[in-house]
N, C-alpha and C. Protein backbone atom coordinates (compact mmCIF):
# COMPACT_ATOMS: atom_id res chain seq x y z
N MET A 1 -16.57 5.46 3.18
CA MET A 1 -15.32 4.78 3.37
C MET A 1 -14.79 5.14 4.75
N GLY A 2 -14.51 4.17 5.60
CA GLY A 2 -13.98 4.43 6.92
C GLY A 2 -12.50 4.69 6.87
N SER A 3 -11.98 5.23 7.96
CA SER A 3 -10.54 5.48 7.98
C SER A 3 -9.89 4.69 9.11
N ILE A 4 -8.62 4.44 8.94
CA ILE A 4 -7.82 3.78 9.96
C ILE A 4 -6.74 4.78 10.34
N SER A 5 -6.67 5.10 11.60
CA SER A 5 -5.64 6.04 12.05
C SER A 5 -4.66 5.27 12.91
N ARG A 6 -3.45 5.13 12.46
CA ARG A 6 -2.42 4.39 13.19
C ARG A 6 -1.11 5.15 13.14
N ARG A 7 -0.42 5.15 14.24
CA ARG A 7 0.95 5.67 14.28
C ARG A 7 1.84 4.45 14.45
N LEU A 8 2.56 4.10 13.40
CA LEU A 8 3.34 2.88 13.39
C LEU A 8 4.82 3.17 13.64
N GLN A 9 5.45 2.31 14.39
CA GLN A 9 6.88 2.37 14.60
C GLN A 9 7.55 1.42 13.59
N VAL A 10 8.83 1.63 13.34
CA VAL A 10 9.57 0.74 12.46
C VAL A 10 9.42 -0.69 12.97
N GLY A 11 9.10 -1.61 12.07
CA GLY A 11 8.93 -3.00 12.44
C GLY A 11 7.55 -3.36 12.95
N SER A 12 6.63 -2.39 12.98
CA SER A 12 5.27 -2.65 13.47
C SER A 12 4.50 -3.50 12.47
N TRP A 13 3.53 -4.24 12.98
CA TRP A 13 2.63 -5.03 12.16
C TRP A 13 1.24 -4.42 12.24
N PHE A 14 0.51 -4.46 11.15
CA PHE A 14 -0.89 -4.05 11.17
C PHE A 14 -1.64 -4.88 10.16
N GLY A 15 -2.91 -5.11 10.41
CA GLY A 15 -3.75 -5.87 9.49
C GLY A 15 -4.73 -4.95 8.79
N ILE A 16 -4.93 -5.17 7.51
CA ILE A 16 -5.93 -4.39 6.79
C ILE A 16 -7.17 -5.23 6.48
N GLY A 17 -7.15 -6.51 6.83
CA GLY A 17 -8.31 -7.36 6.58
C GLY A 17 -8.58 -7.53 5.10
N TRP A 18 -9.77 -7.95 4.78
CA TRP A 18 -10.16 -8.16 3.39
C TRP A 18 -10.91 -6.95 2.90
N ILE A 19 -10.19 -5.92 2.55
CA ILE A 19 -10.83 -4.69 2.09
C ILE A 19 -10.41 -4.42 0.65
N ASP A 20 -11.25 -3.71 -0.04
CA ASP A 20 -10.85 -3.09 -1.30
C ASP A 20 -10.67 -1.63 -0.96
N GLY A 21 -9.51 -1.10 -1.22
CA GLY A 21 -9.33 0.30 -0.88
C GLY A 21 -8.01 0.84 -1.34
N ALA A 22 -7.81 2.08 -1.05
CA ALA A 22 -6.63 2.78 -1.50
C ALA A 22 -5.66 3.01 -0.35
N LEU A 23 -4.40 2.90 -0.63
CA LEU A 23 -3.34 3.25 0.31
C LEU A 23 -2.94 4.66 -0.04
N GLU A 24 -3.23 5.57 0.84
CA GLU A 24 -3.10 6.98 0.53
C GLU A 24 -2.49 7.74 1.68
N ARG A 25 -2.09 8.98 1.42
CA ARG A 25 -1.61 9.85 2.47
C ARG A 25 -2.75 10.76 2.91
N SER A 26 -3.96 10.34 2.76
CA SER A 26 -5.14 11.11 3.12
C SER A 26 -5.93 10.30 4.14
N ASP A 27 -7.19 10.63 4.37
CA ASP A 27 -7.95 9.92 5.40
C ASP A 27 -8.88 8.88 4.78
N TYR A 28 -8.30 7.87 4.16
CA TYR A 28 -9.03 6.75 3.62
C TYR A 28 -8.67 5.51 4.43
N GLU A 29 -8.58 4.34 3.80
CA GLU A 29 -8.34 3.12 4.55
C GLU A 29 -7.03 3.14 5.36
N LEU A 30 -5.97 3.64 4.77
CA LEU A 30 -4.70 3.68 5.49
C LEU A 30 -4.00 4.98 5.15
N SER A 31 -3.69 5.75 6.17
CA SER A 31 -2.98 7.01 5.98
C SER A 31 -1.56 6.87 6.49
N ILE A 32 -0.62 7.30 5.69
CA ILE A 32 0.78 7.37 6.12
C ILE A 32 1.14 8.84 6.05
N THR A 33 1.14 9.48 7.21
CA THR A 33 1.24 10.94 7.23
C THR A 33 2.66 11.45 7.38
N ASN A 34 3.61 10.60 7.69
CA ASN A 34 4.97 11.09 7.94
C ASN A 34 5.92 10.81 6.77
N ASP A 35 5.37 10.60 5.58
CA ASP A 35 6.20 10.35 4.40
C ASP A 35 5.70 11.24 3.28
N GLU A 36 6.37 12.37 3.10
CA GLU A 36 5.95 13.35 2.10
C GLU A 36 6.14 12.88 0.66
N GLU A 37 6.81 11.74 0.45
CA GLU A 37 7.01 11.22 -0.90
C GLU A 37 5.84 10.36 -1.37
N ILE A 38 4.86 10.16 -0.49
CA ILE A 38 3.65 9.41 -0.86
C ILE A 38 2.62 10.39 -1.39
N SER A 39 2.08 10.09 -2.56
CA SER A 39 1.06 10.94 -3.18
C SER A 39 -0.25 10.84 -2.41
N LYS A 40 -1.10 11.83 -2.60
CA LYS A 40 -2.40 11.83 -1.92
C LYS A 40 -3.20 10.57 -2.26
N ARG A 41 -3.18 10.14 -3.50
CA ARG A 41 -3.76 8.86 -3.93
C ARG A 41 -2.62 8.10 -4.58
N HIS A 42 -2.00 7.21 -3.85
CA HIS A 42 -0.74 6.61 -4.29
C HIS A 42 -0.93 5.26 -4.97
N CYS A 43 -1.53 4.31 -4.26
CA CYS A 43 -1.74 2.98 -4.84
C CYS A 43 -3.00 2.37 -4.27
N GLU A 44 -3.41 1.28 -4.91
CA GLU A 44 -4.65 0.62 -4.53
C GLU A 44 -4.40 -0.87 -4.36
N LEU A 45 -5.00 -1.44 -3.32
CA LEU A 45 -4.95 -2.88 -3.07
C LEU A 45 -6.37 -3.42 -3.23
N VAL A 46 -6.53 -4.46 -4.04
CA VAL A 46 -7.85 -5.07 -4.23
C VAL A 46 -7.72 -6.59 -4.18
N MET A 47 -8.80 -7.23 -3.76
CA MET A 47 -8.90 -8.69 -3.82
C MET A 47 -9.59 -9.04 -5.13
N ASP A 48 -9.02 -10.00 -5.86
CA ASP A 48 -9.62 -10.44 -7.12
C ASP A 48 -9.33 -11.93 -7.28
N GLY A 49 -10.37 -12.73 -7.25
CA GLY A 49 -10.21 -14.16 -7.44
C GLY A 49 -9.31 -14.81 -6.40
N GLY A 50 -9.34 -14.31 -5.18
CA GLY A 50 -8.51 -14.88 -4.12
C GLY A 50 -7.09 -14.35 -4.07
N TYR A 51 -6.76 -13.41 -4.96
CA TYR A 51 -5.42 -12.81 -4.98
C TYR A 51 -5.50 -11.35 -4.55
N VAL A 52 -4.43 -10.86 -3.95
CA VAL A 52 -4.32 -9.44 -3.62
C VAL A 52 -3.50 -8.79 -4.73
N LEU A 53 -4.09 -7.79 -5.36
CA LEU A 53 -3.44 -7.08 -6.46
C LEU A 53 -3.15 -5.65 -6.03
N ILE A 54 -2.00 -5.13 -6.46
CA ILE A 54 -1.65 -3.75 -6.19
C ILE A 54 -1.50 -3.03 -7.52
N SER A 55 -2.01 -1.79 -7.56
CA SER A 55 -1.88 -0.94 -8.74
C SER A 55 -1.44 0.44 -8.30
N ASP A 56 -0.49 1.01 -9.03
CA ASP A 56 -0.10 2.39 -8.79
C ASP A 56 -1.18 3.29 -9.38
N LEU A 57 -1.50 4.37 -8.69
CA LEU A 57 -2.54 5.29 -9.16
C LEU A 57 -1.92 6.55 -9.76
N ASN A 58 -0.95 6.34 -10.65
CA ASN A 58 -0.24 7.44 -11.31
C ASN A 58 0.40 8.37 -10.29
N SER A 59 0.99 7.77 -9.25
CA SER A 59 1.63 8.56 -8.21
C SER A 59 2.88 9.25 -8.75
N THR A 60 3.30 10.29 -8.06
CA THR A 60 4.48 11.05 -8.49
C THR A 60 5.75 10.21 -8.45
N ASN A 61 5.94 9.44 -7.37
CA ASN A 61 7.19 8.71 -7.17
C ASN A 61 7.09 7.22 -7.46
N GLY A 62 5.93 6.74 -7.86
CA GLY A 62 5.77 5.34 -8.22
C GLY A 62 5.59 4.41 -7.04
N SER A 63 5.18 3.20 -7.33
CA SER A 63 5.03 2.11 -6.36
C SER A 63 5.93 0.97 -6.81
N PHE A 64 6.52 0.27 -5.86
CA PHE A 64 7.49 -0.77 -6.16
C PHE A 64 7.16 -2.04 -5.39
N VAL A 65 7.39 -3.18 -6.01
CA VAL A 65 7.29 -4.47 -5.34
C VAL A 65 8.63 -5.16 -5.53
N ASN A 66 9.28 -5.46 -4.41
CA ASN A 66 10.62 -6.08 -4.43
C ASN A 66 11.60 -5.27 -5.29
N GLY A 67 11.49 -3.94 -5.21
CA GLY A 67 12.41 -3.06 -5.92
C GLY A 67 12.07 -2.80 -7.38
N VAL A 68 11.02 -3.43 -7.89
CA VAL A 68 10.63 -3.30 -9.30
C VAL A 68 9.40 -2.39 -9.39
N PRO A 69 9.45 -1.35 -10.25
CA PRO A 69 8.28 -0.49 -10.40
C PRO A 69 7.09 -1.27 -10.96
N ILE A 70 5.90 -0.98 -10.42
CA ILE A 70 4.68 -1.65 -10.90
C ILE A 70 3.71 -0.59 -11.41
N LYS A 71 2.80 -1.00 -12.26
CA LYS A 71 1.75 -0.10 -12.75
C LYS A 71 0.39 -0.60 -12.29
N THR A 72 -0.19 -1.60 -12.98
CA THR A 72 -1.53 -2.04 -12.62
C THR A 72 -1.59 -3.56 -12.44
N GLY A 73 -2.42 -3.98 -11.49
CA GLY A 73 -2.75 -5.37 -11.33
C GLY A 73 -1.60 -6.31 -11.01
N HIS A 74 -0.61 -5.85 -10.26
CA HIS A 74 0.51 -6.74 -9.89
C HIS A 74 0.08 -7.63 -8.73
N ARG A 75 0.19 -8.94 -8.90
CA ARG A 75 -0.23 -9.90 -7.88
C ARG A 75 0.81 -9.97 -6.76
N LEU A 76 0.37 -9.74 -5.53
CA LEU A 76 1.27 -9.80 -4.38
C LEU A 76 1.34 -11.22 -3.83
N LYS A 77 2.53 -11.57 -3.32
CA LYS A 77 2.75 -12.86 -2.68
C LYS A 77 3.25 -12.61 -1.27
N SER A 78 3.01 -13.55 -0.40
CA SER A 78 3.52 -13.43 0.96
C SER A 78 5.03 -13.29 0.92
N GLY A 79 5.56 -12.31 1.64
CA GLY A 79 6.99 -12.06 1.66
C GLY A 79 7.41 -10.91 0.76
N ASP A 80 6.54 -10.48 -0.16
CA ASP A 80 6.86 -9.34 -1.01
C ASP A 80 7.08 -8.09 -0.17
N ILE A 81 7.94 -7.20 -0.67
CA ILE A 81 8.17 -5.91 -0.05
C ILE A 81 7.57 -4.84 -0.96
N VAL A 82 6.58 -4.12 -0.45
CA VAL A 82 5.96 -3.01 -1.18
C VAL A 82 6.61 -1.73 -0.69
N MET A 83 7.02 -0.88 -1.63
CA MET A 83 7.61 0.40 -1.25
C MET A 83 6.83 1.52 -1.91
N VAL A 84 6.35 2.45 -1.09
CA VAL A 84 5.71 3.67 -1.55
C VAL A 84 6.41 4.81 -0.83
N GLY A 85 6.84 5.81 -1.58
CA GLY A 85 7.65 6.86 -0.96
C GLY A 85 8.89 6.25 -0.34
N ARG A 86 9.13 6.58 0.93
CA ARG A 86 10.26 5.99 1.67
C ARG A 86 9.78 4.86 2.59
N THR A 87 8.51 4.50 2.49
CA THR A 87 7.89 3.53 3.39
C THR A 87 7.90 2.14 2.76
N GLU A 88 8.47 1.17 3.48
CA GLU A 88 8.48 -0.23 3.03
C GLU A 88 7.52 -1.03 3.89
N MET A 89 6.76 -1.90 3.24
CA MET A 89 5.82 -2.77 3.92
C MET A 89 6.01 -4.20 3.43
N ARG A 90 6.13 -5.13 4.35
CA ARG A 90 6.26 -6.55 4.00
C ARG A 90 4.86 -7.16 4.00
N VAL A 91 4.54 -7.86 2.91
CA VAL A 91 3.24 -8.51 2.76
C VAL A 91 3.29 -9.87 3.44
N ALA A 92 2.28 -10.17 4.23
CA ALA A 92 2.19 -11.50 4.89
C ALA A 92 0.75 -11.97 4.81
N PHE A 93 0.56 -13.23 4.38
CA PHE A 93 -0.78 -13.84 4.31
C PHE A 93 -0.82 -14.95 5.34
């Protein structure tokens, strides 16, 4: 599994492409190192049938889409706001 190392500023955009992988605070597909509220294995994004699905990986603080806690297989739509720890990410397709 390759890693992506990025230092993002507020309002920054980044692309993750068409990957199956985990959003983590470790050295996997995407590391967010400046948010201690993100678990080491926090959530997972997968492509399934043309949809992007997000699942919480039993993180300590949970994963949220548009302010609502999610567990497994929540389908993301363009414009959704994903929140992990104190980090918010806007989904765009």
